C-alpha atoms as a PDB file:
ATOM      1  CA  MET A   1      65.064  -7.009 -71.982  1.00  0.00           C
ATOM      2  CA  MET A   2      64.303  -4.764 -69.005  1.00  0.00           C
ATOM      3  CA  VAL A   3      65.798  -1.369 -68.189  1.00  0.00           C
ATOM      4  CA  ILE A   4      65.811   0.445 -64.858  1.00  0.00           C
ATOM      5  CA  VAL A   5      65.972   4.242 -64.975  1.00  0.00           C
ATOM      6  CA  PHE A   6      67.040   5.443 -61.520  1.00  0.00           C
ATOM      7  CA  ARG A   7      67.238   9.204 -60.881  1.00  0.00           C
ATOM      8  CA  SER A   8      68.443  10.339 -57.471  1.00  0.00           C
ATOM      9  CA  ARG A   9      69.985  13.009 -55.290  1.00  0.00           C
ATOM     10  CA  LEU A  10      72.252  12.171 -52.376  1.00  0.00           C
ATOM     11  CA  THR A  11      72.261  13.573 -48.858  1.00  0.00           C
ATOM     12  CA  PRO A  12      75.434  15.141 -47.419  1.00  0.00           C
ATOM     13  CA  GLU A  13      75.813  11.940 -45.337  1.00  0.00           C
ATOM     14  CA  ALA A  14      76.430   9.850 -48.459  1.00  0.00           C
ATOM     15  CA  GLY A  15      80.195   9.539 -48.280  1.00  0.00           C
ATOM     16  CA  ALA A  16      82.709   6.722 -48.452  1.00  0.00           C
ATOM     17  CA  ASP A  17      80.238   4.179 -47.065  1.00  0.00           C
ATOM     18  CA  TYR A  18      77.813   4.981 -49.881  1.00  0.00           C
ATOM     19  CA  ALA A  19      80.546   4.630 -52.508  1.00  0.00           C
ATOM     20  CA  ALA A  20      81.723   1.312 -51.048  1.00  0.00           C
ATOM     21  CA  THR A  21      78.189  -0.088 -50.957  1.00  0.00           C
ATOM     22  CA  SER A  22      77.497   1.125 -54.491  1.00  0.00           C
ATOM     23  CA  ASP A  23      80.664  -0.605 -55.738  1.00  0.00           C
ATOM     24  CA  ARG A  24      79.736  -3.789 -53.857  1.00  0.00           C
ATOM     25  CA  MET A  25      76.212  -3.809 -55.342  1.00  0.00           C
ATOM     26  CA  PHE A  26      77.586  -3.307 -58.859  1.00  0.00           C
ATOM     27  CA  ALA A  27      79.977  -6.239 -58.368  1.00  0.00           C
ATOM     28  CA  LEU A  28      77.141  -8.446 -57.094  1.00  0.00           C
ATOM     29  CA  ALA A  29      74.806  -7.437 -59.913  1.00  0.00           C
ATOM     30  CA  LYS A  30      77.522  -8.077 -62.505  1.00  0.00           C
ATOM     31  CA  GLU A  31      77.843 -11.655 -61.255  1.00  0.00           C
ATOM     32  CA  SER A  32      74.066 -12.213 -61.223  1.00  0.00           C
ATOM     33  CA  GLU A  33      72.375 -14.190 -63.960  1.00  0.00           C
ATOM     34  CA  GLY A  34      70.636 -11.875 -66.391  1.00  0.00           C
ATOM     35  CA  PHE A  35      72.646  -8.723 -65.683  1.00  0.00           C
ATOM     36  CA  VAL A  36      73.469  -7.008 -68.979  1.00  0.00           C
ATOM     37  CA  ASP A  37      74.986  -3.587 -68.333  1.00  0.00           C
ATOM     38  CA  MET A  38      74.966  -0.502 -66.128  1.00  0.00           C
ATOM     39  CA  ARG A  39      75.815   3.143 -66.781  1.00  0.00           C
ATOM     40  CA  SER A  40      75.799   6.042 -64.280  1.00  0.00           C
ATOM     41  CA  TYR A  41      75.934   9.780 -64.843  1.00  0.00           C
ATOM     42  CA  VAL A  42      75.961  12.834 -62.565  1.00  0.00           C
ATOM     43  CA  SER A  43      74.710  16.220 -63.775  1.00  0.00           C
ATOM     44  CA  GLU A  44      76.234  19.560 -62.829  1.00  0.00           C
ATOM     45  CA  ASP A  45      73.414  20.193 -60.344  1.00  0.00           C
ATOM     46  CA  GLY A  46      74.049  16.896 -58.546  1.00  0.00           C
ATOM     47  CA  GLU A  47      71.213  14.832 -59.965  1.00  0.00           C
ATOM     48  CA  ARG A  48      72.348  11.266 -60.616  1.00  0.00           C
ATOM     49  CA  LEU A  49      71.104   8.970 -63.362  1.00  0.00           C
ATOM     50  CA  THR A  50      71.760   5.241 -63.380  1.00  0.00           C
ATOM     51  CA  LEU A  51      70.580   2.947 -66.172  1.00  0.00           C
ATOM     52  CA  VAL A  52      70.625  -0.796 -65.582  1.00  0.00           C
ATOM     53  CA  TRP A  53      69.706  -3.432 -68.165  1.00  0.00           C
ATOM     54  CA  TRP A  54      68.547  -6.971 -67.269  1.00  0.00           C
ATOM     55  CA  LYS A  55      67.916  -9.882 -69.605  1.00  0.00           C
ATOM     56  CA  ASP A  56      64.267 -10.277 -68.551  1.00  0.00           C
ATOM     57  CA  ALA A  57      61.714  -9.661 -65.797  1.00  0.00           C
ATOM     58  CA  GLU A  58      62.533 -12.951 -64.053  1.00  0.00           C
ATOM     59  CA  THR A  59      66.238 -12.220 -63.556  1.00  0.00           C
ATOM     60  CA  LEU A  60      65.425  -8.641 -62.523  1.00  0.00           C
ATOM     61  CA  SER A  61      62.975  -9.991 -59.948  1.00  0.00           C
ATOM     62  CA  ARG A  62      65.664 -12.270 -58.482  1.00  0.00           C
ATOM     63  CA  TRP A  63      68.029  -9.303 -58.155  1.00  0.00           C
ATOM     64  CA  ARG A  64      65.279  -7.194 -56.607  1.00  0.00           C
ATOM     65  CA  SER A  65      64.723  -9.803 -53.876  1.00  0.00           C
ATOM     66  CA  ASP A  66      68.428 -10.448 -53.143  1.00  0.00           C
ATOM     67  CA  GLY A  67      68.931  -9.908 -49.405  1.00  0.00           C
ATOM     68  CA  ARG A  68      72.138  -7.907 -49.784  1.00  0.00           C
ATOM     69  CA  HIS A  69      70.477  -5.641 -52.337  1.00  0.00           C
ATOM     70  CA  ARG A  70      67.423  -5.177 -50.072  1.00  0.00           C
ATOM     71  CA  GLU A  71      69.673  -4.215 -47.166  1.00  0.00           C
ATOM     72  CA  ALA A  72      71.499  -1.650 -49.315  1.00  0.00           C
ATOM     73  CA  GLN A  73      68.139  -0.213 -50.439  1.00  0.00           C
ATOM     74  CA  GLU A  74      66.992   0.206 -46.833  1.00  0.00           C
ATOM     75  CA  THR A  75      70.225   1.971 -45.894  1.00  0.00           C
ATOM     76  CA  GLY A  76      69.904   4.171 -48.969  1.00  0.00           C
ATOM     77  CA  ARG A  77      66.429   5.302 -47.974  1.00  0.00           C
ATOM     78  CA  SER A  78      67.375   5.898 -44.336  1.00  0.00           C
ATOM     79  CA  ARG A  79      70.738   7.650 -44.898  1.00  0.00           C
ATOM     80  CA  TRP A  80      71.990   8.300 -48.417  1.00  0.00           C
ATOM     81  CA  TYR A  81      69.150   9.410 -50.675  1.00  0.00           C
ATOM     82  CA  ALA A  82      67.492  12.810 -50.380  1.00  0.00           C
ATOM     83  CA  CYS A  83      65.081  11.595 -53.067  1.00  0.00           C
ATOM     84  CA  TYR A  84      64.842   9.163 -55.956  1.00  0.00           C
ATOM     85  CA  ASP A  85      62.542   8.186 -58.796  1.00  0.00           C
ATOM     86  CA  MET A  86      62.735   4.817 -60.490  1.00  0.00           C
ATOM     87  CA  ASP A  87      61.131   3.588 -63.691  1.00  0.00           C
ATOM     88  CA  VAL A  88      61.167  -0.064 -64.697  1.00  0.00           C
ATOM     89  CA  ALA A  89      60.485  -0.659 -68.360  1.00  0.00           C
ATOM     90  CA  GLU A  90      60.498  -3.446 -70.892  1.00  0.00           C
ATOM     91  CA  VAL A  91      62.523  -2.667 -73.994  1.00  0.00           C
ATOM     92  CA  VAL A  92      60.149  -3.132 -76.909  1.00  0.00           C
ATOM     93  CA  ARG A  93      62.558  -2.104 -79.648  1.00  0.00           C
ATOM     94  CA  GLU A  94      66.261  -1.463 -80.046  1.00  0.00           C
ATOM     95  CA  SER A  95      67.968   0.515 -82.768  1.00  0.00           C
ATOM     96  CA  HIS A  96      71.727   0.728 -83.318  1.00  0.00           C
ATOM     97  CA  PHE A  97      74.010   2.808 -85.512  1.00  0.00           C
ATOM     98  CA  ARG A  98      77.816   2.545 -85.723  1.00  0.00           C
ATOM     99  CA  ARG A  99      79.929   5.035 -87.620  1.00  0.00           C
ATOM    100  CA  PRO A 100      82.840   3.158 -89.196  1.00  0.00           C
ATOM    101  CA  GLY A 101      86.277   4.006 -87.825  1.00  0.00           C
ATOM    102  CA  PRO A 102      87.667   5.139 -84.486  1.00  0.00           C
ATOM    103  CA  THR A 103      84.726   7.430 -83.640  1.00  0.00           C
ATOM    104  CA  GLY A 104      82.288   4.515 -83.539  1.00  0.00           C
ATOM    105  CA  ALA A 105      84.634   2.088 -81.758  1.00  0.00           C
ATOM    106  CA  ALA A 106      83.662   3.106 -78.198  1.00  0.00           C
ATOM    107  CA  ALA A 107      79.947   2.921 -78.966  1.00  0.00           C
ATOM    108  CA  THR A 108      80.358  -0.521 -80.506  1.00  0.00           C
ATOM    109  CA  GLN A 109      82.222  -1.779 -77.454  1.00  0.00           C
ATOM    110  CA  ALA A 110      79.713  -0.372 -74.948  1.00  0.00           C
ATOM    111  CA  ASP A 111      76.633  -1.453 -76.873  1.00  0.00           C
ATOM    112  CA  GLY A 112      78.014  -4.902 -77.639  1.00  0.00           C
ATOM    113  CA  VAL A 113      77.171  -6.070 -74.123  1.00  0.00           C
ATOM    114  CA  ARG A 114      73.495  -5.262 -74.578  1.00  0.00           C
ATOM    115  CA  GLU A 115      73.370  -6.936 -77.977  1.00  0.00           C
ATOM    116  CA  ARG A 116      74.672 -10.225 -76.566  1.00  0.00           C
ATOM    117  CA  ALA A 117      71.920 -10.369 -73.943  1.00  0.00           C
ATOM    118  CA  GLY A 118      69.333 -11.578 -76.436  1.00  0.00           C
ATOM    119  CA  GLU A 119      71.500 -14.345 -77.833  1.00  0.00           C
END
C-alpha cells in the first residue's frame, strides 16, 4: 500500500473554484482502480494536511498521470497553493486497535476501508 502525505497552504485566490476542483478530483480518485481512502484536515493556522492511500505504486502512478489530475495540479501551482510539500511512502507495516463498544465504532468504520485494500 502507498500513502501520500500532502501538506499545503492556500492563496487568498483559492475560493469556490478550488473547492469545486478538489471535490471533482476526490470523486475521480474514488472511482479509480486502487484508490483506498482519503482524509483531509486543516489546522488553526491554515495549514492543510491530506492523506491519500492507494493499493500499490502502479495504481498510484496511473492516477498521477491522469490528464484531469495533471490539469488540476497545474492550476493549483499557478493559482491556489502558496506552498506545498508532498511525501510518497510505501506502508511497510500496519497496526490496528479497536476498543469494543460505541467509542471504537467510528475508528472501525473508517479503518475498514484500508483493511480491505490488501484483500
